[in-house]
Amino acid sequence: MGVRNAPDGTETLLDEMIATQRQRVTDLAQRIEPTLSPDDLLQPHDHPALAASPDFNFEDGVLAGYLAVRAALRANRQR
C-alpha cells in the first residue's frame, strides 16, 4: 500500500483516509443502486443513478482528491 517511512506518518494517515473514504463511496453507491459490485465503481458514470447523484459525485471527488495527493507525495519523494 503506502510508503510507511514518512517520519511524520503523513502517508499512513493518508492511506487511512483513503480507505475510509473508499468505504464511504462504496456504501453510498450501494444505497443508491444496491446491485452494484466494487468493479462497477471503477466506471461509475456507466450507471445513470450514480452519475445523477450529487452526493455520490461529491464523495467520489473527495476520494479522487485524496488519491491525487498520495500520488503527488510519492512522485515528490522519488525525486
PDB file of N, CA and C in Angstrom:
ATOM      1  N   MET A   1       0.841  -1.185   0.000  1.00  0.00           N
ATOM      2  CA  MET A   1       0.000   0.000   0.000  1.00  0.00           C
ATOM      3  C   MET A   1       0.886   1.248   0.000  1.00  0.00           C
ATOM      4  N   GLY A   2       0.892   1.976   1.115  1.00  0.00           N
ATOM      5  CA  GLY A   2       1.624   3.220   1.162  1.00  0.00           C
ATOM      6  C   GLY A   2       3.045   3.049   1.632  1.00  0.00           C
ATOM      7  N   VAL A   3       3.847   4.033   1.328  1.00  0.00           N
ATOM      8  CA  VAL A   3       5.216   4.055   1.815  1.00  0.00           C
ATOM      9  C   VAL A   3       5.153   4.465   3.270  1.00  0.00           C
ATOM     10  N   ARG A   4       5.649   3.611   4.141  1.00  0.00           N
ATOM     11  CA  ARG A   4       5.479   3.837   5.579  1.00  0.00           C
ATOM     12  C   ARG A   4       6.690   4.507   6.240  1.00  0.00           C
ATOM     13  N   ASN A   5       7.630   4.993   5.459  1.00  0.00           N
ATOM     14  CA  ASN A   5       8.823   5.567   6.063  1.00  0.00           C
ATOM     15  C   ASN A   5       8.746   7.081   6.223  1.00  0.00           C
ATOM     16  N   ALA A   6       7.583   7.671   6.027  1.00  0.00           N
ATOM     17  CA  ALA A   6       7.445   9.104   6.261  1.00  0.00           C
ATOM     18  C   ALA A   6       7.594   9.355   7.754  1.00  0.00           C
ATOM     19  N   PRO A   7       8.546  10.199   8.133  1.00  0.00           N
ATOM     20  CA  PRO A   7       8.819  10.388   9.558  1.00  0.00           C
ATOM     21  C   PRO A   7       7.638  10.936  10.341  1.00  0.00           C
ATOM     22  N   ASP A   8       6.782  11.675   9.696  1.00  0.00           N
ATOM     23  CA  ASP A   8       5.660  12.273  10.421  1.00  0.00           C
ATOM     24  C   ASP A   8       4.372  11.470  10.284  1.00  0.00           C
ATOM     25  N   GLY A   9       4.413  10.332   9.612  1.00  0.00           N
ATOM     26  CA  GLY A   9       3.222   9.492   9.483  1.00  0.00           C
ATOM     27  C   GLY A   9       2.193  10.017   8.498  1.00  0.00           C
ATOM     28  N   THR A  10       2.574  10.983   7.687  1.00  0.00           N
ATOM     29  CA  THR A  10       1.631  11.584   6.746  1.00  0.00           C
ATOM     30  C   THR A  10       1.032  10.557   5.807  1.00  0.00           C
ATOM     31  N   GLU A  11       1.874   9.711   5.242  1.00  0.00           N
ATOM     32  CA  GLU A  11       1.367   8.758   4.260  1.00  0.00           C
ATOM     33  C   GLU A  11       0.493   7.690   4.912  1.00  0.00           C
ATOM     34  N   THR A  12       0.822   7.303   6.121  1.00  0.00           N
ATOM     35  CA  THR A  12      -0.018   6.345   6.843  1.00  0.00           C
ATOM     36  C   THR A  12      -1.399   6.942   7.099  1.00  0.00           C
ATOM     37  N   LEU A  13      -1.417   8.178   7.541  1.00  0.00           N
ATOM     38  CA  LEU A  13      -2.691   8.863   7.765  1.00  0.00           C
ATOM     39  C   LEU A  13      -3.477   8.979   6.462  1.00  0.00           C
ATOM     40  N   LEU A  14      -2.805   9.332   5.391  1.00  0.00           N
ATOM     41  CA  LEU A  14      -3.470   9.465   4.101  1.00  0.00           C
ATOM     42  C   LEU A  14      -4.037   8.127   3.636  1.00  0.00           C
ATOM     43  N   ASP A  15      -3.306   7.044   3.833  1.00  0.00           N
ATOM     44  CA  ASP A  15      -3.819   5.712   3.482  1.00  0.00           C
ATOM     45  C   ASP A  15      -5.082   5.381   4.267  1.00  0.00           C
ATOM     46  N   GLU A  16      -5.115   5.750   5.537  1.00  0.00           N
ATOM     47  CA  GLU A  16      -6.306   5.513   6.365  1.00  0.00           C
ATOM     48  C   GLU A  16      -7.482   6.357   5.872  1.00  0.00           C
ATOM     49  N   MET A  17      -7.210   7.595   5.502  1.00  0.00           N
ATOM     50  CA  MET A  17      -8.262   8.470   4.984  1.00  0.00           C
ATOM     51  C   MET A  17      -8.817   7.919   3.673  1.00  0.00           C
ATOM     52  N   ILE A  18      -7.940   7.404   2.819  1.00  0.00           N
ATOM     53  CA  ILE A  18      -8.363   6.832   1.538  1.00  0.00           C
ATOM     54  C   ILE A  18      -9.239   5.605   1.777  1.00  0.00           C
ATOM     55  N   ALA A  19      -8.821   4.736   2.670  1.00  0.00           N
ATOM     56  CA  ALA A  19      -9.609   3.529   2.955  1.00  0.00           C
ATOM     57  C   ALA A  19     -10.993   3.888   3.490  1.00  0.00           C
ATOM     58  N   THR A  20     -11.044   4.845   4.388  1.00  0.00           N
ATOM     59  CA  THR A  20     -12.320   5.284   4.953  1.00  0.00           C
ATOM     60  C   THR A  20     -13.212   5.905   3.881  1.00  0.00           C
ATOM     61  N   GLN A  21     -12.635   6.750   3.054  1.00  0.00           N
ATOM     62  CA  GLN A  21     -13.419   7.405   2.006  1.00  0.00           C
ATOM     63  C   GLN A  21     -13.867   6.403   0.948  1.00  0.00           C
ATOM     64  N   ARG A  22     -13.014   5.442   0.606  1.00  0.00           N
ATOM     65  CA  ARG A  22     -13.397   4.419  -0.368  1.00  0.00           C
ATOM     66  C   ARG A  22     -14.605   3.625   0.144  1.00  0.00           C
ATOM     67  N   GLN A  23     -14.614   3.318   1.446  1.00  0.00           N
ATOM     68  CA  GLN A  23     -15.759   2.607   2.034  1.00  0.00           C
ATOM     69  C   GLN A  23     -17.006   3.479   2.017  1.00  0.00           C
ATOM     70  N   ARG A  24     -16.826   4.765   2.292  1.00  0.00           N
ATOM     71  CA  ARG A  24     -17.956   5.692   2.272  1.00  0.00           C
ATOM     72  C   ARG A  24     -18.571   5.757   0.867  1.00  0.00           C
ATOM     73  N   VAL A  25     -17.728   5.829  -0.156  1.00  0.00           N
ATOM     74  CA  VAL A  25     -18.198   5.864  -1.545  1.00  0.00           C
ATOM     75  C   VAL A  25     -18.926   4.564  -1.891  1.00  0.00           C
ATOM     76  N   THR A  26     -18.360   3.436  -1.496  1.00  0.00           N
ATOM     77  CA  THR A  26     -18.977   2.138  -1.762  1.00  0.00           C
ATOM     78  C   THR A  26     -20.333   2.028  -1.085  1.00  0.00           C
ATOM     79  N   ASP A  27     -20.404   2.402   0.179  1.00  0.00           N
ATOM     80  CA  ASP A  27     -21.668   2.332   0.921  1.00  0.00           C
ATOM     81  C   ASP A  27     -22.734   3.218   0.280  1.00  0.00           C
ATOM     82  N   LEU A  28     -22.355   4.424  -0.090  1.00  0.00           N
ATOM     83  CA  LEU A  28     -23.303   5.343  -0.715  1.00  0.00           C
ATOM     84  C   LEU A  28     -23.773   4.796  -2.061  1.00  0.00           C
ATOM     85  N   ALA A  29     -22.852   4.294  -2.850  1.00  0.00           N
ATOM     86  CA  ALA A  29     -23.215   3.738  -4.164  1.00  0.00           C
ATOM     87  C   ALA A  29     -24.187   2.574  -4.011  1.00  0.00           C
ATOM     88  N   GLN A  30     -23.948   1.737  -3.021  1.00  0.00           N
ATOM     89  CA  GLN A  30     -24.827   0.585  -2.845  1.00  0.00           C
ATOM     90  C   GLN A  30     -26.194   0.976  -2.279  1.00  0.00           C
ATOM     91  N   ARG A  31     -26.277   2.105  -1.586  1.00  0.00           N
ATOM     92  CA  ARG A  31     -27.590   2.611  -1.175  1.00  0.00           C
ATOM     93  C   ARG A  31     -28.357   3.144  -2.387  1.00  0.00           C
ATOM     94  N   ILE A  32     -27.639   3.752  -3.302  1.00  0.00           N
ATOM     95  CA  ILE A  32     -28.272   4.306  -4.500  1.00  0.00           C
ATOM     96  C   ILE A  32     -28.676   3.194  -5.459  1.00  0.00           C
ATOM     97  N   GLU A  33     -27.770   2.245  -5.647  1.00  0.00           N
ATOM     98  CA  GLU A  33     -28.007   1.140  -6.585  1.00  0.00           C
ATOM     99  C   GLU A  33     -27.482  -0.147  -5.943  1.00  0.00           C
ATOM    100  N   PRO A  34     -28.334  -0.852  -5.206  1.00  0.00           N
ATOM    101  CA  PRO A  34     -27.907  -1.988  -4.372  1.00  0.00           C
ATOM    102  C   PRO A  34     -27.215  -3.139  -5.102  1.00  0.00           C
ATOM    103  N   THR A  35     -27.401  -3.270  -6.380  1.00  0.00           N
ATOM    104  CA  THR A  35     -26.809  -4.409  -7.094  1.00  0.00           C
ATOM    105  C   THR A  35     -25.391  -4.144  -7.591  1.00  0.00           C
ATOM    106  N   LEU A  36     -24.852  -2.962  -7.334  1.00  0.00           N
ATOM    107  CA  LEU A  36     -23.509  -2.633  -7.817  1.00  0.00           C
ATOM    108  C   LEU A  36     -22.442  -3.477  -7.136  1.00  0.00           C
ATOM    109  N   SER A  37     -21.437  -3.841  -7.910  1.00  0.00           N
ATOM    110  CA  SER A  37     -20.278  -4.540  -7.369  1.00  0.00           C
ATOM    111  C   SER A  37     -19.138  -3.531  -7.226  1.00  0.00           C
ATOM    112  N   PRO A  38     -18.101  -3.875  -6.478  1.00  0.00           N
ATOM    113  CA  PRO A  38     -16.945  -2.969  -6.383  1.00  0.00           C
ATOM    114  C   PRO A  38     -16.344  -2.645  -7.753  1.00  0.00           C
ATOM    115  N   ASP A  39     -16.363  -3.598  -8.680  1.00  0.00           N
ATOM    116  CA  ASP A  39     -15.847  -3.333 -10.022  1.00  0.00           C
ATOM    117  C   ASP A  39     -16.678  -2.278 -10.754  1.00  0.00           C
ATOM    118  N   ASP A  40     -17.970  -2.242 -10.477  1.00  0.00           N
ATOM    119  CA  ASP A  40     -18.834  -1.241 -11.107  1.00  0.00           C
ATOM    120  C   ASP A  40     -18.416   0.177 -10.729  1.00  0.00           C
ATOM    121  N   LEU A  41     -17.829   0.329  -9.570  1.00  0.00           N
ATOM    122  CA  LEU A  41     -17.436   1.660  -9.109  1.00  0.00           C
ATOM    123  C   LEU A  41     -16.214   2.189  -9.840  1.00  0.00           C
ATOM    124  N   LEU A  42     -15.543   1.322 -10.593  1.00  0.00           N
ATOM    125  CA  LEU A  42     -14.413   1.791 -11.388  1.00  0.00           C
ATOM    126  C   LEU A  42     -14.879   2.657 -12.554  1.00  0.00           C
ATOM    127  N   GLN A  43     -16.126   2.472 -12.985  1.00  0.00           N
ATOM    128  CA  GLN A  43     -16.742   3.272 -14.050  1.00  0.00           C
ATOM    129  C   GLN A  43     -18.122   3.746 -13.580  1.00  0.00           C
ATOM    130  N   PRO A  44     -18.173   4.606 -12.583  1.00  0.00           N
ATOM    131  CA  PRO A  44     -19.466   4.971 -12.010  1.00  0.00           C
ATOM    132  C   PRO A  44     -20.401   5.677 -12.986  1.00  0.00           C
ATOM    133  N   HIS A  45     -19.850   6.342 -13.985  1.00  0.00           N
ATOM    134  CA  HIS A  45     -20.724   7.071 -14.909  1.00  0.00           C
ATOM    135  C   HIS A  45     -21.400   6.158 -15.925  1.00  0.00           C
ATOM    136  N   ASP A  46     -21.074   4.863 -15.876  1.00  0.00           N
ATOM    137  CA  ASP A  46     -21.824   3.882 -16.665  1.00  0.00           C
ATOM    138  C   ASP A  46     -23.159   3.548 -16.003  1.00  0.00           C
ATOM    139  N   HIS A  47     -23.371   4.070 -14.807  1.00  0.00           N
ATOM    140  CA  HIS A  47     -24.581   3.787 -14.039  1.00  0.00           C
ATOM    141  C   HIS A  47     -25.314   5.116 -13.824  1.00  0.00           C
ATOM    142  N   PRO A  48     -26.401   5.328 -14.565  1.00  0.00           N
ATOM    143  CA  PRO A  48     -27.093   6.620 -14.536  1.00  0.00           C
ATOM    144  C   PRO A  48     -27.486   7.114 -13.151  1.00  0.00           C
ATOM    145  N   ALA A  49     -27.870   6.204 -12.265  1.00  0.00           N
ATOM    146  CA  ALA A  49     -28.280   6.650 -10.923  1.00  0.00           C
ATOM    147  C   ALA A  49     -27.099   7.249 -10.159  1.00  0.00           C
ATOM    148  N   LEU A  50     -25.920   6.696 -10.341  1.00  0.00           N
ATOM    149  CA  LEU A  50     -24.731   7.259  -9.689  1.00  0.00           C
ATOM    150  C   LEU A  50     -24.336   8.575 -10.344  1.00  0.00           C
ATOM    151  N   ALA A  51     -24.337   8.588 -11.664  1.00  0.00           N
ATOM    152  CA  ALA A  51     -23.948   9.797 -12.387  1.00  0.00           C
ATOM    153  C   ALA A  51     -24.848  10.977 -12.038  1.00  0.00           C
ATOM    154  N   ALA A  52     -26.103  10.699 -11.726  1.00  0.00           N
ATOM    155  CA  ALA A  52     -27.066  11.764 -11.419  1.00  0.00           C
ATOM    156  C   ALA A  52     -27.052  12.188  -9.954  1.00  0.00           C
ATOM    157  N   SER A  53     -26.296  11.490  -9.119  1.00  0.00           N
ATOM    158  CA  SER A  53     -26.320  11.777  -7.689  1.00  0.00           C
ATOM    159  C   SER A  53     -25.242  12.789  -7.297  1.00  0.00           C
ATOM    160  N   PRO A  54     -25.653  13.983  -6.861  1.00  0.00           N
ATOM    161  CA  PRO A  54     -24.654  14.953  -6.410  1.00  0.00           C
ATOM    162  C   PRO A  54     -23.888  14.461  -5.186  1.00  0.00           C
ATOM    163  N   ASP A  55     -24.556  13.738  -4.310  1.00  0.00           N
ATOM    164  CA  ASP A  55     -23.871  13.219  -3.116  1.00  0.00           C
ATOM    165  C   ASP A  55     -22.779  12.226  -3.508  1.00  0.00           C
ATOM    166  N   PHE A  56     -23.101  11.305  -4.411  1.00  0.00           N
ATOM    167  CA  PHE A  56     -22.103  10.344  -4.857  1.00  0.00           C
ATOM    168  C   PHE A  56     -20.944  11.058  -5.544  1.00  0.00           C
ATOM    169  N   ASN A  57     -21.252  11.989  -6.433  1.00  0.00           N
ATOM    170  CA  ASN A  57     -20.195  12.694  -7.158  1.00  0.00           C
ATOM    171  C   ASN A  57     -19.292  13.478  -6.218  1.00  0.00           C
ATOM    172  N   PHE A  58     -19.871  14.059  -5.185  1.00  0.00           N
ATOM    173  CA  PHE A  58     -19.061  14.781  -4.207  1.00  0.00           C
ATOM    174  C   PHE A  58     -18.108  13.824  -3.487  1.00  0.00           C
ATOM    175  N   GLU A  59     -18.648  12.743  -2.941  1.00  0.00           N
ATOM    176  CA  GLU A  59     -17.830  11.794  -2.184  1.00  0.00           C
ATOM    177  C   GLU A  59     -16.768  11.137  -3.072  1.00  0.00           C
ATOM    178  N   ASP A  60     -17.127  10.821  -4.312  1.00  0.00           N
ATOM    179  CA  ASP A  60     -16.162  10.250  -5.252  1.00  0.00           C
ATOM    180  C   ASP A  60     -15.064  11.266  -5.574  1.00  0.00           C
ATOM    181  N   GLY A  61     -15.435  12.530  -5.650  1.00  0.00           N
ATOM    182  CA  GLY A  61     -14.451  13.587  -5.877  1.00  0.00           C
ATOM    183  C   GLY A  61     -13.485  13.749  -4.714  1.00  0.00           C
ATOM    184  N   VAL A  62     -13.988  13.606  -3.499  1.00  0.00           N
ATOM    185  CA  VAL A  62     -13.112  13.654  -2.325  1.00  0.00           C
ATOM    186  C   VAL A  62     -12.099  12.511  -2.398  1.00  0.00           C
ATOM    187  N   LEU A  63     -12.573  11.321  -2.728  1.00  0.00           N
ATOM    188  CA  LEU A  63     -11.671  10.171  -2.871  1.00  0.00           C
ATOM    189  C   LEU A  63     -10.629  10.442  -3.951  1.00  0.00           C
ATOM    190  N   ALA A  64     -11.045  10.971  -5.080  1.00  0.00           N
ATOM    191  CA  ALA A  64     -10.102  11.275  -6.168  1.00  0.00           C
ATOM    192  C   ALA A  64      -9.050  12.287  -5.703  1.00  0.00           C
ATOM    193  N   GLY A  65      -9.468  13.248  -4.906  1.00  0.00           N
ATOM    194  CA  GLY A  65      -8.520  14.230  -4.372  1.00  0.00           C
ATOM    195  C   GLY A  65      -7.490  13.594  -3.456  1.00  0.00           C
ATOM    196  N   TYR A  66      -7.940  12.727  -2.566  1.00  0.00           N
ATOM    197  CA  TYR A  66      -7.006  12.023  -1.675  1.00  0.00           C
ATOM    198  C   TYR A  66      -6.010  11.192  -2.477  1.00  0.00           C
ATOM    199  N   LEU A  67      -6.498  10.506  -3.502  1.00  0.00           N
ATOM    200  CA  LEU A  67      -5.618   9.684  -4.331  1.00  0.00           C
ATOM    201  C   LEU A  67      -4.601  10.553  -5.077  1.00  0.00           C
ATOM    202  N   ALA A  68      -5.025  11.724  -5.521  1.00  0.00           N
ATOM    203  CA  ALA A  68      -4.111  12.641  -6.207  1.00  0.00           C
ATOM    204  C   ALA A  68      -3.031  13.159  -5.262  1.00  0.00           C
ATOM    205  N   VAL A  69      -3.408  13.466  -4.034  1.00  0.00           N
ATOM    206  CA  VAL A  69      -2.418  13.923  -3.049  1.00  0.00           C
ATOM    207  C   VAL A  69      -1.392  12.826  -2.785  1.00  0.00           C
ATOM    208  N   ARG A  70      -1.861  11.589  -2.614  1.00  0.00           N
ATOM    209  CA  ARG A  70      -0.931  10.481  -2.370  1.00  0.00           C
ATOM    210  C   ARG A  70       0.020  10.306  -3.549  1.00  0.00           C
ATOM    211  N   ALA A  71      -0.490  10.389  -4.754  1.00  0.00           N
ATOM    212  CA  ALA A  71       0.359  10.252  -5.941  1.00  0.00           C
ATOM    213  C   ALA A  71       1.397  11.378  -6.000  1.00  0.00           C
ATOM    214  N   ALA A  72       0.978  12.582  -5.669  1.00  0.00           N
ATOM    215  CA  ALA A  72       1.915  13.709  -5.684  1.00  0.00           C
ATOM    216  C   ALA A  72       2.997  13.562  -4.633  1.00  0.00           C
ATOM    217  N   LEU A  73       2.621  13.105  -3.444  1.00  0.00           N
ATOM    218  CA  LEU A  73       3.613  12.874  -2.391  1.00  0.00           C
ATOM    219  C   LEU A  73       4.635  11.822  -2.814  1.00  0.00           C
ATOM    220  N   ARG A  74       4.157  10.743  -3.401  1.00  0.00           N
ATOM    221  CA  ARG A  74       5.059   9.690  -3.840  1.00  0.00           C
ATOM    222  C   ARG A  74       5.962  10.146  -4.965  1.00  0.00           C
ATOM    223  N   ALA A  75       5.433  10.903  -5.905  1.00  0.00           N
ATOM    224  CA  ALA A  75       6.234  11.403  -7.012  1.00  0.00           C
ATOM    225  C   ALA A  75       7.308  12.355  -6.498  1.00  0.00           C
ATOM    226  N   ASN A  76       6.930  13.187  -5.550  1.00  0.00           N
ATOM    227  CA  ASN A  76       7.878  14.139  -4.979  1.00  0.00           C
ATOM    228  C   ASN A  76       8.971  13.428  -4.205  1.00  0.00           C
ATOM    229  N   ARG A  77       8.631  12.357  -3.539  1.00  0.00           N
ATOM    230  CA  ARG A  77       9.592  11.594  -2.740  1.00  0.00           C
ATOM    231  C   ARG A  77      10.630  10.921  -3.637  1.00  0.00           C
ATOM    232  N   GLN A  78      10.242  10.553  -4.840  1.00  0.00           N
ATOM    233  CA  GLN A  78      11.137   9.824  -5.738  1.00  0.00           C
ATOM    234  C   GLN A  78      12.160  10.749  -6.419  1.00  0.00           C
ATOM    235  N   ARG A  79      11.995  12.015  -6.300  1.00  0.00           N
ATOM    236  CA  ARG A  79      12.947  12.957  -6.922  1.00  0.00           C
ATOM    237  C   ARG A  79      14.225  13.029  -6.161  1.00  0.00           C
TER     238      ARG A  79
END
